[in-house]
C-alpha atoms as a PDB file:
ATOM      1  CA  MET A   1      17.567  -1.946  -8.186  1.00  0.00           C
ATOM      2  CA  ASP A   2      16.378  -4.493 -10.626  1.00  0.00           C
ATOM      3  CA  PHE A   3      12.845  -5.407  -8.362  1.00  0.00           C
ATOM      4  CA  SER A   4      12.673  -8.571 -10.504  1.00  0.00           C
ATOM      5  CA  LEU A   5      15.822 -10.108  -9.598  1.00  0.00           C
ATOM      6  CA  TRP A   6      15.443  -9.133  -6.340  1.00  0.00           C
ATOM      7  CA  THR A   7      11.745 -10.715  -5.965  1.00  0.00           C
ATOM      8  CA  CYS A   8      13.062 -13.739  -7.622  1.00  0.00           C
ATOM      9  CA  ALA A   9      15.727 -14.135  -5.084  1.00  0.00           C
ATOM     10  CA  LEU A  10      13.042 -13.736  -2.367  1.00  0.00           C
ATOM     11  CA  ARG A  11      10.450 -16.009  -4.079  1.00  0.00           C
ATOM     12  CA  GLY A  12      12.418 -17.976  -6.122  1.00  0.00           C
ATOM     13  CA  HIS A  13      12.062 -18.209 -10.116  1.00  0.00           C
ATOM     14  CA  GLU A  14       8.410 -17.937 -11.440  1.00  0.00           C
ATOM     15  CA  THR A  15       8.879 -20.679 -14.585  1.00  0.00           C
ATOM     16  CA  TYR A  16       5.972 -22.507 -16.484  1.00  0.00           C
ATOM     17  CA  ALA A  17       6.202 -25.161 -19.514  1.00  0.00           C
ATOM     18  CA  PRO A  18       2.914 -23.822 -22.239  1.00  0.00           C
ATOM     19  CA  ASP A  19       1.574 -26.572 -23.821  1.00  0.00           C
ATOM     20  CA  GLU A  20       2.519 -24.394 -27.209  1.00  0.00           C
ATOM     21  CA  PRO A  21       5.506 -26.529 -28.643  1.00  0.00           C
ATOM     22  CA  GLU A  22       6.683 -23.716 -30.590  1.00  0.00           C
ATOM     23  CA  LEU A  23       6.533 -20.951 -27.596  1.00  0.00           C
ATOM     24  CA  ALA A  24       7.665 -23.802 -24.979  1.00  0.00           C
ATOM     25  CA  ALA A  25      11.015 -23.833 -27.662  1.00  0.00           C
ATOM     26  CA  ARG A  26      11.449 -20.300 -26.318  1.00  0.00           C
ATOM     27  CA  LEU A  27      11.279 -21.056 -23.397  1.00  0.00           C
ATOM     28  CA  HIS A  28      13.301 -23.953 -22.757  1.00  0.00           C
ATOM     29  CA  VAL A  29      16.955 -25.002 -23.020  1.00  0.00           C
ATOM     30  CA  THR A  30      18.730 -28.660 -22.157  1.00  0.00           C
ATOM     31  CA  THR A  31      21.907 -28.253 -20.624  1.00  0.00           C
ATOM     32  CA  PRO A  32      24.665 -30.949 -19.701  1.00  0.00           C
ATOM     33  CA  ALA A  33      23.162 -29.923 -16.095  1.00  0.00           C
ATOM     34  CA  GLY A  34      19.801 -30.898 -16.956  1.00  0.00           C
ATOM     35  CA  GLU A  35      16.841 -28.728 -18.463  1.00  0.00           C
ATOM     36  CA  SER A  36      16.253 -24.869 -17.881  1.00  0.00           C
ATOM     37  CA  TRP A  37      13.439 -23.029 -18.192  1.00  0.00           C
ATOM     38  CA  ARG A  38      12.977 -19.245 -18.447  1.00  0.00           C
ATOM     39  CA  CYS A  39      11.651 -17.266 -16.099  1.00  0.00           C
ATOM     40  CA  LEU A  40       8.586 -15.006 -16.609  1.00  0.00           C
ATOM     41  CA  ARG A  41       9.444 -12.655 -14.122  1.00  0.00           C
ATOM     42  CA  CYS A  42      13.188 -12.078 -14.277  1.00  0.00           C
ATOM     43  CA  GLY A  43      14.017 -13.672 -17.627  1.00  0.00           C
ATOM     44  CA  ASP A  44      16.774 -15.356 -16.704  1.00  0.00           C
ATOM     45  CA  PHE A  45      16.791 -19.318 -17.326  1.00  0.00           C
ATOM     46  CA  ALA A  46      16.515 -21.353 -14.155  1.00  0.00           C
ATOM     47  CA  PRO A  47      18.005 -25.043 -13.908  1.00  0.00           C
ATOM     48  CA  GLY A  48      14.939 -27.655 -12.981  1.00  0.00           C
ATOM     49  CA  GLU A  49      11.662 -28.570 -13.554  1.00  0.00           C
ATOM     50  CA  PRO A  50       8.949 -25.817 -14.095  1.00  0.00           C
ATOM     51  CA  ARG A  51       6.402 -24.845 -11.777  1.00  0.00           C
ATOM     52  CA  GLY A  52       3.196 -24.609 -13.792  1.00  0.00           C
ATOM     53  CA  TYR A  53       2.324 -26.475 -17.048  1.00  0.00           C
ATOM     54  CA  GLY A  54      -0.211 -26.137 -19.342  1.00  0.00           C
ATOM     55  CA  PRO A  55      -1.863 -24.235 -22.182  1.00  0.00           C
ATOM     56  CA  ALA A  56      -0.447 -20.375 -22.245  1.00  0.00           C
ATOM     57  CA  ASP A  57      -3.236 -18.705 -22.041  1.00  0.00           C
ATOM     58  CA  ASN A  58      -3.883 -20.119 -18.079  1.00  0.00           C
ATOM     59  CA  ALA A  59      -0.191 -18.960 -16.695  1.00  0.00           C
ATOM     60  CA  PRO A  60       0.368 -16.632 -13.884  1.00  0.00           C
ATOM     61  CA  GLU A  61       0.188 -13.246 -14.407  1.00  0.00           C
ATOM     62  CA  VAL A  62       3.705 -12.307 -13.354  1.00  0.00           C
ATOM     63  CA  PRO A  63       4.551  -8.946 -12.879  1.00  0.00           C
ATOM     64  CA  ARG A  64       7.954  -7.596 -14.062  1.00  0.00           C
ATOM     65  CA  GLY A  65       9.860  -4.503 -14.886  1.00  0.00           C
ATOM     66  CA  HIS A  66       8.312  -1.274 -13.240  1.00  0.00           C
ATOM     67  CA  LEU A  67       5.056  -3.040 -13.061  1.00  0.00           C
ATOM     68  CA  LEU A  68       6.755  -5.087 -10.519  1.00  0.00           C
ATOM     69  CA  ARG A  69       8.127  -1.966  -8.624  1.00  0.00           C
ATOM     70  CA  ASP A  70       4.589  -0.284  -8.892  1.00  0.00           C
ATOM     71  CA  ARG A  71       3.305  -3.445  -7.287  1.00  0.00           C
ATOM     72  CA  ILE A  72       5.953  -2.689  -4.304  1.00  0.00           C
ATOM     73  CA  ILE A  73       5.244   0.683  -4.112  1.00  0.00           C
ATOM     74  CA  MET A  74       1.538   0.022  -3.787  1.00  0.00           C
ATOM     75  CA  ARG A  75       2.176  -2.512  -0.649  1.00  0.00           C
ATOM     76  CA  LEU A  76       4.757  -0.113   0.835  1.00  0.00           C
ATOM     77  CA  LEU A  77       1.750   2.317   0.750  1.00  0.00           C
ATOM     78  CA  ALA A  78      -0.547  -0.860   2.594  1.00  0.00           C
ATOM     79  CA  ALA A  79       1.427  -1.220   5.387  1.00  0.00           C
ATOM     80  CA  GLU A  80       1.475   2.327   6.238  1.00  0.00           C
ATOM     81  CA  ARG A  81      -2.572   2.160   6.000  1.00  0.00           C
ATOM     82  CA  VAL A  82      -2.446  -0.602   8.018  1.00  0.00           C
ATOM     83  CA  ILE A  83      -0.073   1.048  10.445  1.00  0.00           C
ATOM     84  CA  ARG A  84      -2.586   4.095  10.664  1.00  0.00           C
ATOM     85  CA  ALA A  85      -5.530   1.731  10.818  1.00  0.00           C
ATOM     86  CA  LEU A  86      -4.238  -0.011  14.254  1.00  0.00           C
ATOM     87  CA  VAL A  87      -3.085   3.546  16.149  1.00  0.00           C
ATOM     88  CA  LEU A  88      -6.834   4.561  14.869  1.00  0.00           C
ATOM     89  CA  ILE A  89      -7.945   1.816  16.559  1.00  0.00           C
ATOM     90  CA  LEU A  90      -5.868   1.680  19.899  1.00  0.00           C
ATOM     91  CA  VAL A  91      -7.049   5.146  20.358  1.00  0.00           C
ATOM     92  CA  GLY A  92     -10.656   4.782  19.604  1.00  0.00           C
ATOM     93  CA  ALA A  93     -10.392   1.988  22.164  1.00  0.00           C
ATOM     94  CA  GLY A  94      -9.099   4.627  24.787  1.00  0.00           C
ATOM     95  CA  VAL A  95     -11.942   6.597  23.921  1.00  0.00           C
ATOM     96  CA  LEU A  96     -14.508   3.759  24.549  1.00  0.00           C
ATOM     97  CA  LYS A  97     -12.565   2.979  28.422  1.00  0.00           C
ATOM     98  CA  LEU A  98     -12.565   6.784  28.911  1.00  0.00           C
ATOM     99  CA  ARG A  99     -16.355   6.703  28.968  1.00  0.00           C
ATOM    100  CA  GLY A 100     -17.989   5.879  32.294  1.00  0.00           C
ATOM    101  CA  SER A 101     -15.143   6.827  34.211  1.00  0.00           C
ATOM    102  CA  GLN A 102     -14.211  10.552  33.349  1.00  0.00           C
ATOM    103  CA  GLU A 103     -13.422  11.561  36.703  1.00  0.00           C
ATOM    104  CA  HIS A 104     -10.813   8.540  37.774  1.00  0.00           C
ATOM    105  CA  TRP A 105      -8.811   9.324  34.829  1.00  0.00           C
ATOM    106  CA  ARG A 106      -9.283  12.887  35.208  1.00  0.00           C
ATOM    107  CA  SER A 107      -6.866  12.519  38.396  1.00  0.00           C
ATOM    108  CA  LYS A 108      -5.088  10.309  37.154  1.00  0.00           C
ATOM    109  CA  TRP A 109      -3.977  12.600  34.104  1.00  0.00           C
ATOM    110  CA  GLY A 110      -3.630  15.131  37.129  1.00  0.00           C
ATOM    111  CA  GLU A 111      -0.832  12.948  38.496  1.00  0.00           C
ATOM    112  CA  GLU A 112       0.962  12.089  35.612  1.00  0.00           C
ATOM    113  CA  LEU A 113       0.912  15.510  33.987  1.00  0.00           C
ATOM    114  CA  PRO A 114       4.234  16.977  36.289  1.00  0.00           C
ATOM    115  CA  LEU A 115       6.371  14.330  35.118  1.00  0.00           C
ATOM    116  CA  ILE A 116       5.225  14.788  31.472  1.00  0.00           C
ATOM    117  CA  ARG A 117       6.279  18.070  32.048  1.00  0.00           C
ATOM    118  CA  GLN A 118       9.544  17.324  33.201  1.00  0.00           C
ATOM    119  CA  LEU A 119      10.233  15.352  30.310  1.00  0.00           C
ATOM    120  CA  ALA A 120       8.344  17.760  27.958  1.00  0.00           C
ATOM    121  CA  ASP A 121      10.952  20.886  29.541  1.00  0.00           C
ATOM    122  CA  GLN A 122      14.226  18.213  28.159  1.00  0.00           C
ATOM    123  CA  ILE A 123      13.094  17.645  24.509  1.00  0.00           C
ATOM    124  CA  GLY A 124      11.552  21.035  23.944  1.00  0.00           C
ATOM    125  CA  TRP A 125       8.010  20.090  23.865  1.00  0.00           C
ATOM    126  CA  ASP A 126       5.855  22.872  25.687  1.00  0.00           C
ATOM    127  CA  PRO A 127       2.459  20.533  26.518  1.00  0.00           C
ATOM    128  CA  ASP A 128       0.529  24.033  27.831  1.00  0.00           C
ATOM    129  CA  HIS A 129       0.710  24.828  24.044  1.00  0.00           C
ATOM    130  CA  SER A 130      -0.126  20.974  22.620  1.00  0.00           C
ATOM    131  CA  LYS A 131      -3.161  20.276  20.554  1.00  0.00           C
ATOM    132  CA  ILE A 132      -2.897  16.609  21.465  1.00  0.00           C
ATOM    133  CA  VAL A 133      -3.141  17.278  25.485  1.00  0.00           C
ATOM    134  CA  HIS A 134      -5.852  20.380  24.716  1.00  0.00           C
ATOM    135  CA  TRP A 135      -7.610  17.195  23.005  1.00  0.00           C
ATOM    136  CA  ILE A 136      -7.181  15.056  26.352  1.00  0.00           C
ATOM    137  CA  ASP A 137      -8.408  18.083  28.641  1.00  0.00           C
ATOM    138  CA  THR A 138     -11.521  18.479  26.408  1.00  0.00           C
ATOM    139  CA  ALA A 139     -12.350  14.310  26.047  1.00  0.00           C
ATOM    140  CA  PHE A 140     -12.354  14.432  30.360  1.00  0.00           C
ATOM    141  CA  THR A 141     -15.702  17.174  29.885  1.00  0.00           C
ATOM    142  CA  LEU A 142     -17.291  15.079  27.198  1.00  0.00           C
ATOM    143  CA  SER A 143     -20.683  13.333  28.175  1.00  0.00           C
ATOM    144  CA  PRO A 144     -20.609   9.532  27.851  1.00  0.00           C
ATOM    145  CA  THR A 145     -22.625   9.758  24.377  1.00  0.00           C
ATOM    146  CA  VAL A 146     -20.710  12.193  22.730  1.00  0.00           C
ATOM    147  CA  LEU A 147     -17.544   9.807  24.003  1.00  0.00           C
ATOM    148  CA  VAL A 148     -19.087   6.716  21.810  1.00  0.00           C
ATOM    149  CA  TRP A 149     -19.988   8.700  18.759  1.00  0.00           C
ATOM    150  CA  VAL A 150     -16.310  10.397  18.361  1.00  0.00           C
ATOM    151  CA  ALA A 151     -14.518   6.411  19.061  1.00  0.00           C
ATOM    152  CA  VAL A 152     -17.788   5.428  16.188  1.00  0.00           C
ATOM    153  CA  GLY A 153     -16.009   8.151  14.018  1.00  0.00           C
ATOM    154  CA  ILE A 154     -12.706   7.371  14.478  1.00  0.00           C
ATOM    155  CA  PHE A 155     -13.600   3.159  14.471  1.00  0.00           C
ATOM    156  CA  ALA A 156     -15.000   4.629  10.980  1.00  0.00           C
ATOM    157  CA  TYR A 157     -11.699   5.919   9.525  1.00  0.00           C
ATOM    158  CA  ALA A 158      -9.928   2.914  10.497  1.00  0.00           C
ATOM    159  CA  THR A 159     -12.104   1.289   8.641  1.00  0.00           C
ATOM    160  CA  ILE A 160     -11.516   3.425   5.439  1.00  0.00           C
ATOM    161  CA  GLN A 161      -7.500   2.765   5.815  1.00  0.00           C
ATOM    162  CA  ILE A 162      -8.087  -1.308   6.098  1.00  0.00           C
ATOM    163  CA  VAL A 163     -10.473  -1.312   3.107  1.00  0.00           C
ATOM    164  CA  GLU A 164      -7.379   0.948   1.157  1.00  0.00           C
ATOM    165  CA  ALA A 165      -4.886  -1.393   2.616  1.00  0.00           C
ATOM    166  CA  VAL A 166      -6.382  -4.225   1.311  1.00  0.00           C
ATOM    167  CA  GLY A 167      -7.324  -2.652  -2.278  1.00  0.00           C
ATOM    168  CA  LEU A 168      -3.697  -1.684  -2.374  1.00  0.00           C
ATOM    169  CA  TRP A 169      -2.248  -4.614  -1.191  1.00  0.00           C
ATOM    170  CA  LEU A 170      -4.137  -7.036  -3.712  1.00  0.00           C
ATOM    171  CA  VAL A 171      -3.791  -4.598  -6.325  1.00  0.00           C
ATOM    172  CA  LYS A 172      -7.009  -4.517  -7.067  1.00  0.00           C
ATOM    173  CA  ARG A 173      -8.418  -1.490  -9.514  1.00  0.00           C
ATOM    174  CA  TRP A 174     -10.992  -0.689  -7.014  1.00  0.00           C
ATOM    175  CA  GLY A 175      -8.318  -0.420  -4.043  1.00  0.00           C
ATOM    176  CA  GLU A 176      -6.518   2.152  -6.425  1.00  0.00           C
ATOM    177  CA  TYR A 177     -10.060   4.431  -6.874  1.00  0.00           C
ATOM    178  CA  PHE A 178     -10.715   4.112  -3.392  1.00  0.00           C
ATOM    179  CA  ALA A 179      -7.710   4.838  -2.364  1.00  0.00           C
ATOM    180  CA  VAL A 180      -7.217   8.213  -4.656  1.00  0.00           C
ATOM    181  CA  ILE A 181     -10.512   8.945  -3.250  1.00  0.00           C
ATOM    182  CA  ALA A 182     -10.446   8.915   0.025  1.00  0.00           C
ATOM    183  CA  THR A 183      -6.925   9.686   0.730  1.00  0.00           C
ATOM    184  CA  SER A 184      -8.174  13.073  -1.658  1.00  0.00           C
ATOM    185  CA  LEU A 185     -11.088  13.400   0.764  1.00  0.00           C
ATOM    186  CA  PHE A 186      -8.717  14.139   3.944  1.00  0.00           C
ATOM    187  CA  LEU A 187      -5.854  16.261   2.433  1.00  0.00           C
ATOM    188  CA  PRO A 188      -7.672  19.466   2.891  1.00  0.00           C
ATOM    189  CA  PHE A 189      -7.813  18.927   6.555  1.00  0.00           C
ATOM    190  CA  GLU A 190      -4.330  17.850   6.573  1.00  0.00           C
ATOM    191  CA  ILE A 191      -3.545  21.344   4.555  1.00  0.00           C
ATOM    192  CA  TYR A 192      -5.497  23.291   6.870  1.00  0.00           C
ATOM    193  CA  GLU A 193      -3.898  21.559  10.040  1.00  0.00           C
ATOM    194  CA  LEU A 194      -0.927  22.808   8.475  1.00  0.00           C
ATOM    195  CA  THR A 195      -2.251  26.711   8.472  1.00  0.00           C
ATOM    196  CA  GLU A 196      -2.642  26.240  12.283  1.00  0.00           C
ATOM    197  CA  LYS A 197       0.592  24.705  12.705  1.00  0.00           C
ATOM    198  CA  VAL A 198       3.375  23.562  10.551  1.00  0.00           C
ATOM    199  CA  THR A 199       5.181  19.966  12.041  1.00  0.00           C
ATOM    200  CA  VAL A 200       7.473  17.511  10.503  1.00  0.00           C
ATOM    201  CA  LEU A 201       4.668  14.983  11.431  1.00  0.00           C
ATOM    202  CA  ARG A 202       1.871  17.269   9.532  1.00  0.00           C
ATOM    203  CA  ALA A 203       4.391  17.941   6.760  1.00  0.00           C
ATOM    204  CA  GLY A 204       5.482  14.439   6.130  1.00  0.00           C
ATOM    205  CA  ALA A 205       2.150  12.708   6.589  1.00  0.00           C
ATOM    206  CA  LEU A 206       0.733  15.383   3.702  1.00  0.00           C
ATOM    207  CA  LEU A 207       3.548  15.122   1.534  1.00  0.00           C
ATOM    208  CA  ILE A 208       2.927  11.168   1.368  1.00  0.00           C
ATOM    209  CA  ASN A 209      -0.445  11.201   0.647  1.00  0.00           C
ATOM    210  CA  LEU A 210      -0.133  14.072  -2.068  1.00  0.00           C
ATOM    211  CA  ALA A 211       2.374  11.815  -3.273  1.00  0.00           C
ATOM    212  CA  ALA A 212       0.627   8.889  -2.945  1.00  0.00           C
ATOM    213  CA  VAL A 213      -2.638  10.464  -5.101  1.00  0.00           C
ATOM    214  CA  ILE A 214      -0.557  11.994  -7.439  1.00  0.00           C
ATOM    215  CA  TRP A 215       1.593   8.874  -8.967  1.00  0.00           C
ATOM    216  CA  LEU A 216      -1.794   6.517  -8.634  1.00  0.00           C
ATOM    217  CA  LEU A 217      -3.652   8.686 -10.559  1.00  0.00           C
ATOM    218  CA  TRP A 218      -0.896   8.818 -13.425  1.00  0.00           C
ATOM    219  CA  SER A 219       0.921   5.465 -13.150  1.00  0.00           C
ATOM    220  CA  LYS A 220      -2.771   3.483 -12.694  1.00  0.00           C
ATOM    221  CA  ARG A 221      -4.011   6.077 -15.305  1.00  0.00           C
ATOM    222  CA  LEU A 222      -6.979   6.446 -13.080  1.00  0.00           C
ATOM    223  CA  PHE A 223      -9.849   8.888 -14.301  1.00  0.00           C
ATOM    224  CA  GLY A 224      -9.104   8.676 -18.036  1.00  0.00           C
ATOM    225  CA  ILE A 225      -5.601   9.941 -16.755  1.00  0.00           C
ATOM    226  CA  ASN A 226      -2.357   9.199 -19.112  1.00  0.00           C
ATOM    227  CA  GLY A 227      -4.654   6.966 -21.242  1.00  0.00           C
ATOM    228  CA  GLY A 228      -7.457   5.500 -19.317  1.00  0.00           C
ATOM    229  CA  ALA A 229      -8.099   2.097 -18.310  1.00  0.00           C
ATOM    230  CA  LYS A 230      -7.323   0.900 -22.058  1.00  0.00           C
ATOM    231  CA  ALA A 231      -3.641   2.076 -21.899  1.00  0.00           C
ATOM    232  CA  TYR A 232      -3.364   0.400 -18.082  1.00  0.00           C
ATOM    233  CA  TYR A 233      -4.496  -3.102 -19.284  1.00  0.00           C
ATOM    234  CA  ALA A 234      -2.440  -2.847 -22.235  1.00  0.00           C
ATOM    235  CA  GLU A 235       0.658  -2.223 -20.972  1.00  0.00           C
ATOM    236  CA  HIS A 236      -0.022  -4.659 -18.167  1.00  0.00           C
ATOM    237  CA  HIS A 237      -0.920  -7.202 -21.380  1.00  0.00           C
ATOM    238  CA  THR A 238       2.341  -6.257 -23.369  1.00  0.00           C
ATOM    239  CA  GLU A 239       4.655  -6.543 -20.332  1.00  0.00           C
ATOM    240  CA  SER A 240       4.054 -10.014 -20.198  1.00  0.00           C
ATOM    241  CA  LEU A 241       7.396 -12.143 -20.832  1.00  0.00           C
ATOM    242  CA  LEU A 242       4.709 -14.908 -22.393  1.00  0.00           C
ATOM    243  CA  THR A 243       3.160 -12.016 -24.587  1.00  0.00           C
ATOM    244  CA  VAL A 244       6.334 -11.111 -25.542  1.00  0.00           C
ATOM    245  CA  GLU A 245       7.437 -14.824 -26.880  1.00  0.00           C
ATOM    246  CA  ARG A 246       4.233 -15.439 -28.536  1.00  0.00           C
ATOM    247  CA  SER A 247       4.738 -12.252 -30.730  1.00  0.00           C
ATOM    248  CA  ALA A 248       7.808 -13.960 -31.779  1.00  0.00           C
ATOM    249  CA  VAL A 249       6.573 -16.946 -32.952  1.00  0.00           C
ATOM    250  CA  ALA A 250       4.111 -14.966 -34.754  1.00  0.00           C
ATOM    251  CA  ALA A 251       6.533 -13.051 -36.395  1.00  0.00           C
ATOM    252  CA  GLU A 252       8.854 -15.948 -37.138  1.00  0.00           C
ATOM    253  CA  ALA A 253       5.830 -17.516 -38.955  1.00  0.00           C
ATOM    254  CA  ALA A 254       4.929 -15.302 -41.064  1.00  0.00           C
ATOM    255  CA  THR A 255       7.983 -14.799 -42.496  1.00  0.00           C
END
């Protein structure tokens, strides 16, 4: 898949008219239908006026090629973190709602459990050995103070997920580091859960997080890996279409 063309199809071409005449000449053509400017993302010529004007140094940073692919992957990871955060917030709100009315909810749970067992028999799920059911039963025995601290812990974890999502969505360097560190801290707990019982959900969550950590470490060159920050910024600079065309102009001037 050509992510550059796909993105241009959704958002339109990113054209820019630099003030430097030699550089502008390489990005501009005149046709019988009118002028066209080269897209800084996909490299194709798009008819019409450019989106932006000014010095080349002020041109917007337009990711292309594998850098654009990486940005899309990071935003998919950010969306997954947002979904996690929303689930955690709902769970935390449920814990707070349980505080102070445990007996009421215990009786409600006792009324609904037979119906849950009937549904569980049809889908092959054993609620008597379910950790979720065990957690719910345990929650009815906890004091209101303990439930508050449990909710605080859940909300704190949700906050971590939200911070990760913001950093990844905005493609910030700090977000990449934060995502790797935060995700790595919870990997031992996910591995421990698998030693107790292997489920599709647990194995899938571990694989996603493990793949995300490895991919971020290598592709984003974190902690000095794969060339480190110097290679990271050099890659972004050399991938720019304007940088390529500037090099071509400089080479022509030197010959």
